[in-house]
PDB file of N, CA and C in Angstrom:
ATOM      1  N   MET A   1    -156.552  47.645  10.891  1.00  0.00           N
ATOM      2  CA  MET A   1    -156.054  47.939  12.227  1.00  0.00           C
ATOM      3  C   MET A   1    -157.278  48.575  12.965  1.00  0.00           C
ATOM      4  N   ASN A   2    -157.995  49.317  12.358  1.00  0.00           N
ATOM      5  CA  ASN A   2    -159.224  50.034  13.107  1.00  0.00           C
ATOM      6  C   ASN A   2    -160.112  49.048  13.677  1.00  0.00           C
ATOM      7  N   ILE A   3    -160.410  48.051  12.793  1.00  0.00           N
ATOM      8  CA  ILE A   3    -161.479  47.133  13.238  1.00  0.00           C
ATOM      9  C   ILE A   3    -161.021  46.276  14.571  1.00  0.00           C
ATOM     10  N   LEU A   4    -159.744  46.161  14.645  1.00  0.00           N
ATOM     11  CA  LEU A   4    -159.034  45.429  15.890  1.00  0.00           C
ATOM     12  C   LEU A   4    -159.313  46.383  17.081  1.00  0.00           C
ATOM     13  N   TRP A   5    -159.065  47.633  16.891  1.00  0.00           N
ATOM     14  CA  TRP A   5    -159.242  48.603  18.033  1.00  0.00           C
ATOM     15  C   TRP A   5    -160.682  48.603  18.407  1.00  0.00           C
ATOM     16  N   PHE A   6    -161.581  48.630  17.470  1.00  0.00           N
ATOM     17  CA  PHE A   6    -162.941  48.628  17.662  1.00  0.00           C
ATOM     18  C   PHE A   6    -163.476  47.387  18.493  1.00  0.00           C
ATOM     19  N   ILE A   7    -162.982  46.279  18.197  1.00  0.00           N
ATOM     20  CA  ILE A   7    -163.256  45.025  18.760  1.00  0.00           C
ATOM     21  C   ILE A   7    -162.659  45.137  20.250  1.00  0.00           C
ATOM     22  N   LEU A   8    -161.505  45.450  20.461  1.00  0.00           N
ATOM     23  CA  LEU A   8    -160.816  45.577  21.566  1.00  0.00           C
ATOM     24  C   LEU A   8    -161.593  46.616  22.652  1.00  0.00           C
ATOM     25  N   ILE A   9    -161.801  47.724  22.126  1.00  0.00           N
ATOM     26  CA  ILE A   9    -162.580  48.634  22.902  1.00  0.00           C
ATOM     27  C   ILE A   9    -164.023  48.145  23.206  1.00  0.00           C
ATOM     28  N   GLY A  10    -164.606  47.456  22.278  1.00  0.00           N
ATOM     29  CA  GLY A  10    -165.930  46.874  22.593  1.00  0.00           C
ATOM     30  C   GLY A  10    -165.876  45.823  23.753  1.00  0.00           C
ATOM     31  N   ILE A  11    -164.871  44.999  23.703  1.00  0.00           N
ATOM     32  CA  ILE A  11    -164.796  44.061  24.741  1.00  0.00           C
ATOM     33  C   ILE A  11    -164.602  44.630  26.110  1.00  0.00           C
ATOM     34  N   ALA A  12    -163.682  45.664  26.144  1.00  0.00           N
ATOM     35  CA  ALA A  12    -163.356  46.396  27.410  1.00  0.00           C
ATOM     36  C   ALA A  12    -164.515  47.114  27.870  1.00  0.00           C
ATOM     37  N   ALA A  13    -165.291  47.724  26.973  1.00  0.00           N
ATOM     38  CA  ALA A  13    -166.490  48.555  27.358  1.00  0.00           C
ATOM     39  C   ALA A  13    -167.674  47.604  27.825  1.00  0.00           C
ATOM     40  N   GLY A  14    -167.780  46.482  27.265  1.00  0.00           N
ATOM     41  CA  GLY A  14    -168.822  45.548  27.780  1.00  0.00           C
ATOM     42  C   GLY A  14    -168.458  45.037  29.089  1.00  0.00           C
ATOM     43  N   TRP A  15    -167.166  44.659  29.249  1.00  0.00           N
ATOM     44  CA  TRP A  15    -166.754  44.189  30.633  1.00  0.00           C
ATOM     45  C   TRP A  15    -166.958  45.240  31.641  1.00  0.00           C
ATOM     46  N   LEU A  16    -166.433  46.483  31.349  1.00  0.00           N
ATOM     47  CA  LEU A  16    -166.579  47.624  32.366  1.00  0.00           C
ATOM     48  C   LEU A  16    -168.067  47.780  32.757  1.00  0.00           C
ATOM     49  N   ALA A  17    -168.936  47.828  31.659  1.00  0.00           N
ATOM     50  CA  ALA A  17    -170.367  48.147  31.934  1.00  0.00           C
ATOM     51  C   ALA A  17    -170.909  46.913  32.789  1.00  0.00           C
ATOM     52  N   GLY A  18    -170.491  45.726  32.569  1.00  0.00           N
ATOM     53  CA  GLY A  18    -171.052  44.666  33.401  1.00  0.00           C
ATOM     54  C   GLY A  18    -170.605  44.795  34.876  1.00  0.00           C
ATOM     55  N   LEU A  19    -169.405  45.286  35.139  1.00  0.00           N
ATOM     56  CA  LEU A  19    -168.844  45.460  36.440  1.00  0.00           C
ATOM     57  C   LEU A  19    -169.677  46.723  37.004  1.00  0.00           C
ATOM     58  N   ILE A  20    -169.809  47.813  36.382  1.00  0.00           N
ATOM     59  CA  ILE A  20    -170.464  48.935  36.781  1.00  0.00           C
ATOM     60  C   ILE A  20    -172.002  48.721  37.161  1.00  0.00           C
ATOM     61  N   MET A  21    -172.575  47.890  36.261  1.00  0.00           N
ATOM     62  CA  MET A  21    -173.980  47.601  36.488  1.00  0.00           C
ATOM     63  C   MET A  21    -174.192  46.483  37.549  1.00  0.00           C
ATOM     64  N   LYS A  22    -173.231  46.003  38.205  1.00  0.00           N
ATOM     65  CA  LYS A  22    -173.161  44.938  39.204  1.00  0.00           C
ATOM     66  C   LYS A  22    -173.752  43.678  38.753  1.00  0.00           C
ATOM     67  N   GLY A  23    -173.612  43.339  37.479  1.00  0.00           N
ATOM     68  CA  GLY A  23    -173.976  42.054  36.849  1.00  0.00           C
ATOM     69  C   GLY A  23    -172.892  41.208  36.545  1.00  0.00           C
ATOM     70  N   GLY A  24    -171.649  41.665  36.563  1.00  0.00           N
ATOM     71  CA  GLY A  24    -170.580  40.788  36.223  1.00  0.00           C
ATOM     72  C   GLY A  24    -170.410  40.998  34.618  1.00  0.00           C
ATOM     73  N   GLY A  25    -169.459  40.277  34.150  1.00  0.00           N
ATOM     74  CA  GLY A  25    -169.300  40.259  32.723  1.00  0.00           C
ATOM     75  C   GLY A  25    -170.283  39.262  32.098  1.00  0.00           C
ATOM     76  N   PHE A  26    -170.231  39.247  30.773  1.00  0.00           N
ATOM     77  CA  PHE A  26    -171.057  38.266  30.001  1.00  0.00           C
ATOM     78  C   PHE A  26    -170.281  37.239  29.268  1.00  0.00           C
ATOM     79  N   GLY A  27    -168.976  37.010  29.563  1.00  0.00           N
ATOM     80  CA  GLY A  27    -168.190  36.284  28.709  1.00  0.00           C
ATOM     81  C   GLY A  27    -167.546  37.117  27.566  1.00  0.00           C
ATOM     82  N   ILE A  28    -166.593  36.580  26.972  1.00  0.00           N
ATOM     83  CA  ILE A  28    -165.848  37.376  25.908  1.00  0.00           C
ATOM     84  C   ILE A  28    -166.798  37.751  24.887  1.00  0.00           C
ATOM     85  N   ILE A  29    -167.642  36.871  24.408  1.00  0.00           N
ATOM     86  CA  ILE A  29    -168.428  37.096  23.155  1.00  0.00           C
ATOM     87  C   ILE A  29    -169.711  38.051  23.652  1.00  0.00           C
ATOM     88  N   GLY A  30    -170.232  37.859  24.825  1.00  0.00           N
ATOM     89  CA  GLY A  30    -171.215  38.666  25.290  1.00  0.00           C
ATOM     90  C   GLY A  30    -170.688  40.124  25.532  1.00  0.00           C
ATOM     91  N   ASP A  31    -169.496  40.192  26.130  1.00  0.00           N
ATOM     92  CA  ASP A  31    -168.926  41.572  26.340  1.00  0.00           C
ATOM     93  C   ASP A  31    -168.682  42.158  25.020  1.00  0.00           C
ATOM     94  N   LEU A  32    -168.240  41.517  23.983  1.00  0.00           N
ATOM     95  CA  LEU A  32    -168.063  42.062  22.651  1.00  0.00           C
ATOM     96  C   LEU A  32    -169.389  42.646  22.115  1.00  0.00           C
ATOM     97  N   ILE A  33    -170.384  41.739  22.186  1.00  0.00           N
ATOM     98  CA  ILE A  33    -171.625  42.167  21.535  1.00  0.00           C
ATOM     99  C   ILE A  33    -172.234  43.433  22.306  1.00  0.00           C
ATOM    100  N   VAL A  34    -172.240  43.402  23.717  1.00  0.00           N
ATOM    101  CA  VAL A  34    -172.670  44.511  24.468  1.00  0.00           C
ATOM    102  C   VAL A  34    -171.855  45.774  24.235  1.00  0.00           C
ATOM    103  N   GLY A  35    -170.506  45.543  24.124  1.00  0.00           N
ATOM    104  CA  GLY A  35    -169.633  46.678  23.896  1.00  0.00           C
ATOM    105  C   GLY A  35    -169.785  47.367  22.591  1.00  0.00           C
ATOM    106  N   VAL A  36    -169.891  46.541  21.548  1.00  0.00           N
ATOM    107  CA  VAL A  36    -170.046  47.020  20.052  1.00  0.00           C
ATOM    108  C   VAL A  36    -171.406  47.850  20.052  1.00  0.00           C
ATOM    109  N   ILE A  37    -172.490  47.002  20.531  1.00  0.00           N
ATOM    110  CA  ILE A  37    -173.853  47.757  20.441  1.00  0.00           C
ATOM    111  C   ILE A  37    -173.782  49.074  21.268  1.00  0.00           C
ATOM    112  N   GLY A  38    -173.080  48.881  22.515  1.00  0.00           N
ATOM    113  CA  GLY A  38    -172.875  50.114  23.293  1.00  0.00           C
ATOM    114  C   GLY A  38    -172.225  51.191  22.691  1.00  0.00           C
ATOM    115  N   ALA A  39    -171.140  50.796  21.915  1.00  0.00           N
ATOM    116  CA  ALA A  39    -170.422  51.890  21.253  1.00  0.00           C
ATOM    117  C   ALA A  39    -171.318  52.651  20.150  1.00  0.00           C
ATOM    118  N   LEU A  40    -172.172  51.902  19.522  1.00  0.00           N
ATOM    119  CA  LEU A  40    -173.116  52.584  18.615  1.00  0.00           C
ATOM    120  C   LEU A  40    -174.112  53.500  19.404  1.00  0.00           C
ATOM    121  N   ILE A  41    -174.639  52.860  20.500  1.00  0.00           N
ATOM    122  CA  ILE A  41    -175.619  53.734  21.238  1.00  0.00           C
ATOM    123  C   ILE A  41    -174.954  54.949  21.835  1.00  0.00           C
ATOM    124  N   GLY A  42    -173.730  54.723  22.431  1.00  0.00           N
ATOM    125  CA  GLY A  42    -172.973  55.799  23.081  1.00  0.00           C
ATOM    126  C   GLY A  42    -172.551  56.836  21.989  1.00  0.00           C
ATOM    127  N   GLY A  43    -172.276  56.528  20.857  1.00  0.00           N
ATOM    128  CA  GLY A  43    -171.875  57.436  19.676  1.00  0.00           C
ATOM    129  C   GLY A  43    -173.126  58.178  19.239  1.00  0.00           C
ATOM    130  N   LEU A  44    -174.221  57.542  19.354  1.00  0.00           N
ATOM    131  CA  LEU A  44    -175.416  58.256  18.968  1.00  0.00           C
ATOM    132  C   LEU A  44    -175.797  59.374  20.007  1.00  0.00           C
ATOM    133  N   VAL A  45    -175.834  58.869  21.262  1.00  0.00           N
ATOM    134  CA  VAL A  45    -176.083  59.799  22.415  1.00  0.00           C
ATOM    135  C   VAL A  45    -175.129  60.927  22.512  1.00  0.00           C
ATOM    136  N   PHE A  46    -173.809  60.616  22.371  1.00  0.00           N
ATOM    137  CA  PHE A  46    -172.855  61.829  22.400  1.00  0.00           C
ATOM    138  C   PHE A  46    -173.064  62.638  21.303  1.00  0.00           C
ATOM    139  N   ASP A  47    -173.402  62.140  20.120  1.00  0.00           N
ATOM    140  CA  ASP A  47    -173.650  63.087  19.045  1.00  0.00           C
ATOM    141  C   ASP A  47    -174.891  63.865  19.188  1.00  0.00           C
ATOM    142  N   LEU A  48    -175.977  63.291  19.754  1.00  0.00           N
ATOM    143  CA  LEU A  48    -177.141  64.140  20.002  1.00  0.00           C
ATOM    144  C   LEU A  48    -176.943  65.350  21.018  1.00  0.00           C
ATOM    145  N   LEU A  49    -176.031  64.908  22.035  1.00  0.00           N
ATOM    146  CA  LEU A  49    -175.565  65.909  23.079  1.00  0.00           C
ATOM    147  C   LEU A  49    -174.517  66.937  22.609  1.00  0.00           C
ATOM    148  N   GLY A  50    -173.974  66.677  21.502  1.00  0.00           N
ATOM    149  CA  GLY A  50    -172.943  67.530  20.863  1.00  0.00           C
ATOM    150  C   GLY A  50    -171.571  67.299  21.674  1.00  0.00           C
ATOM    151  N   ILE A  51    -171.436  66.112  22.096  1.00  0.00           N
ATOM    152  CA  ILE A  51    -170.062  65.808  22.786  1.00  0.00           C
ATOM    153  C   ILE A  51    -169.253  64.996  21.836  1.00  0.00           C
ATOM    154  N   ALA A  52    -167.910  65.277  21.797  1.00  0.00           N
ATOM    155  CA  ALA A  52    -167.043  64.579  20.909  1.00  0.00           C
ATOM    156  C   ALA A  52    -166.091  63.706  21.792  1.00  0.00           C
ATOM    157  N   ALA A  53    -166.089  62.406  21.381  1.00  0.00           N
ATOM    158  CA  ALA A  53    -165.313  61.459  22.060  1.00  0.00           C
ATOM    159  C   ALA A  53    -163.914  61.316  21.237  1.00  0.00           C
ATOM    160  N   VAL A  54    -162.849  61.761  21.814  1.00  0.00           N
ATOM    161  CA  VAL A  54    -161.585  61.843  21.112  1.00  0.00           C
ATOM    162  C   VAL A  54    -160.576  60.911  21.825  1.00  0.00           C
ATOM    163  N   GLY A  55    -159.896  60.233  21.072  1.00  0.00           N
ATOM    164  CA  GLY A  55    -158.861  59.310  21.492  1.00  0.00           C
ATOM    165  C   GLY A  55    -159.329  58.039  22.008  1.00  0.00           C
ATOM    166  N   LEU A  56    -158.360  57.173  22.415  1.00  0.00           N
ATOM    167  CA  LEU A  56    -158.725  55.949  22.899  1.00  0.00           C
ATOM    168  C   LEU A  56    -159.598  55.901  24.180  1.00  0.00           C
ATOM    169  N   LEU A  57    -159.232  56.815  25.086  1.00  0.00           N
ATOM    170  CA  LEU A  57    -159.963  56.945  26.408  1.00  0.00           C
ATOM    171  C   LEU A  57    -161.378  57.454  26.110  1.00  0.00           C
ATOM    172  N   GLY A  58    -161.461  58.374  25.220  1.00  0.00           N
ATOM    173  CA  GLY A  58    -162.759  59.116  24.989  1.00  0.00           C
ATOM    174  C   GLY A  58    -163.722  58.054  24.388  1.00  0.00           C
ATOM    175  N   ASN A  59    -163.079  57.238  23.470  1.00  0.00           N
ATOM    176  CA  ASN A  59    -163.942  56.034  22.803  1.00  0.00           C
ATOM    177  C   ASN A  59    -164.384  55.136  23.735  1.00  0.00           C
ATOM    178  N   LEU A  60    -163.494  54.757  24.618  1.00  0.00           N
ATOM    179  CA  LEU A  60    -163.745  53.782  25.672  1.00  0.00           C
ATOM    180  C   LEU A  60    -164.924  54.212  26.633  1.00  0.00           C
ATOM    181  N   ILE A  61    -164.805  55.558  27.020  1.00  0.00           N
ATOM    182  CA  ILE A  61    -165.845  56.067  27.903  1.00  0.00           C
ATOM    183  C   ILE A  61    -167.261  56.170  27.075  1.00  0.00           C
ATOM    184  N   CYS A  62    -167.127  56.550  25.900  1.00  0.00           N
ATOM    185  CA  CYS A  62    -168.422  56.554  25.110  1.00  0.00           C
ATOM    186  C   CYS A  62    -169.033  55.237  24.893  1.00  0.00           C
ATOM    187  N   ALA A  63    -168.256  54.333  24.615  1.00  0.00           N
ATOM    188  CA  ALA A  63    -168.758  52.816  24.477  1.00  0.00           C
ATOM    189  C   ALA A  63    -169.200  52.227  25.715  1.00  0.00           C
ATOM    190  N   THR A  64    -168.548  52.665  26.844  1.00  0.00           N
ATOM    191  CA  THR A  64    -168.969  52.045  28.091  1.00  0.00           C
ATOM    192  C   THR A  64    -170.297  52.657  28.547  1.00  0.00           C
ATOM    193  N   ILE A  65    -170.406  54.027  28.443  1.00  0.00           N
ATOM    194  CA  ILE A  65    -171.768  54.693  28.659  1.00  0.00           C
ATOM    195  C   ILE A  65    -172.820  54.042  27.798  1.00  0.00           C
ATOM    196  N   GLY A  66    -172.584  53.859  26.671  1.00  0.00           N
ATOM    197  CA  GLY A  66    -173.554  53.224  25.719  1.00  0.00           C
ATOM    198  C   GLY A  66    -173.930  51.873  26.226  1.00  0.00           C
ATOM    199  N   ALA A  67    -172.892  51.028  26.542  1.00  0.00           N
ATOM    200  CA  ALA A  67    -173.196  49.666  26.998  1.00  0.00           C
ATOM    201  C   ALA A  67    -173.930  49.771  28.340  1.00  0.00           C
ATOM    202  N   ILE A  68    -173.622  50.755  29.225  1.00  0.00           N
ATOM    203  CA  ILE A  68    -174.461  50.789  30.321  1.00  0.00           C
ATOM    204  C   ILE A  68    -175.936  51.126  30.047  1.00  0.00           C
ATOM    205  N   ILE A  69    -176.124  51.999  29.156  1.00  0.00           N
ATOM    206  CA  ILE A  69    -177.462  52.268  28.675  1.00  0.00           C
ATOM    207  C   ILE A  69    -178.180  50.978  28.217  1.00  0.00           C
ATOM    208  N   LEU A  70    -177.453  50.310  27.367  1.00  0.00           N
ATOM    209  CA  LEU A  70    -177.973  49.054  26.700  1.00  0.00           C
ATOM    210  C   LEU A  70    -178.356  48.008  27.927  1.00  0.00           C
ATOM    211  N   ILE A  71    -177.452  47.873  28.805  1.00  0.00           N
ATOM    212  CA  ILE A  71    -177.767  46.878  29.889  1.00  0.00           C
ATOM    213  C   ILE A  71    -178.998  47.297  30.705  1.00  0.00           C
ATOM    214  N   ALA A  72    -179.097  48.609  31.048  1.00  0.00           N
ATOM    215  CA  ALA A  72    -180.283  49.118  31.696  1.00  0.00           C
ATOM    216  C   ALA A  72    -181.519  48.979  31.001  1.00  0.00           C
ATOM    217  N   ILE A  73    -181.622  49.219  29.664  1.00  0.00           N
ATOM    218  CA  ILE A  73    -182.715  48.790  28.877  1.00  0.00           C
ATOM    219  C   ILE A  73    -183.048  47.265  28.888  1.00  0.00           C
ATOM    220  N   LEU A  74    -182.153  46.576  28.752  1.00  0.00           N
ATOM    221  CA  LEU A  74    -182.322  45.029  28.730  1.00  0.00           C
ATOM    222  C   LEU A  74    -182.814  44.559  29.987  1.00  0.00           C
ATOM    223  N   ARG A  75    -182.356  45.090  31.123  1.00  0.00           N
ATOM    224  CA  ARG A  75    -182.854  44.614  32.433  1.00  0.00           C
ATOM    225  C   ARG A  75    -184.183  45.226  32.759  1.00  0.00           C
ATOM    226  N   PHE A  76    -184.564  46.356  32.137  1.00  0.00           N
ATOM    227  CA  PHE A  76    -185.938  46.904  32.248  1.00  0.00           C
ATOM    228  C   PHE A  76    -186.867  45.988  31.597  1.00  0.00           C
ATOM    229  N   PHE A  77    -186.535  45.533  30.474  1.00  0.00           N
ATOM    230  CA  PHE A  77    -187.498  44.755  29.647  1.00  0.00           C
ATOM    231  C   PHE A  77    -187.445  43.268  30.115  1.00  0.00           C
ATOM    232  N   LYS A  78    -186.489  42.850  30.829  1.00  0.00           N
ATOM    233  CA  LYS A  78    -186.272  41.407  31.291  1.00  0.00           C
ATOM    234  C   LYS A  78    -187.168  41.265  32.476  1.00  0.00           C
ATOM    235  N   ARG A  79    -187.372  42.229  33.341  1.00  0.00           N
ATOM    236  CA  ARG A  79    -188.137  42.141  34.489  1.00  0.00           C
ATOM    237  C   ARG A  79    -189.556  41.782  34.158  1.00  0.00           C
ATOM    238  N   GLY A  80    -190.152  42.178  33.081  1.00  0.00           N
ATOM    239  CA  GLY A  80    -191.511  42.010  32.844  1.00  0.00           C
ATOM    240  C   GLY A  80    -192.514  42.886  33.590  1.00  0.00           C
ATOM    241  N   PRO A  81    -193.830  42.805  33.429  1.00  0.00           N
ATOM    242  CA  PRO A  81    -194.684  43.727  33.878  1.00  0.00           C
ATOM    243  C   PRO A  81    -194.730  43.591  35.397  1.00  0.00           C
ATOM    244  N   VAL A  82    -194.965  44.807  36.022  1.00  0.00           N
ATOM    245  CA  VAL A  82    -194.918  44.935  37.507  1.00  0.00           C
ATOM    246  C   VAL A  82    -196.394  44.462  38.040  1.00  0.00           C
ATOM    247  N   GLN A  83    -196.432  43.523  38.987  1.00  0.00           N
ATOM    248  CA  GLN A  83    -197.682  43.170  39.452  1.00  0.00           C
ATOM    249  C   GLN A  83    -198.217  44.068  40.585  1.00  0.00           C
TER     250      GLN A  83
END
């Protein structure tokens, strides 16, 4: 059952991050991938800062922040060198 919650939170976090970053969603699979990787990034960042994500809402916020960081990094490298 935990893996189901992880997937659902990943989808929601990827979708929310896409909306916040003004890029829209990435489709269900793209949102899942961005959300799951974002959850890992968010967990790492929260751990380094000494912040604990507790409960469903805390995990969703953590994963969304991680997904926003991931999207920002991807957009930075997608632009290419500045002329």
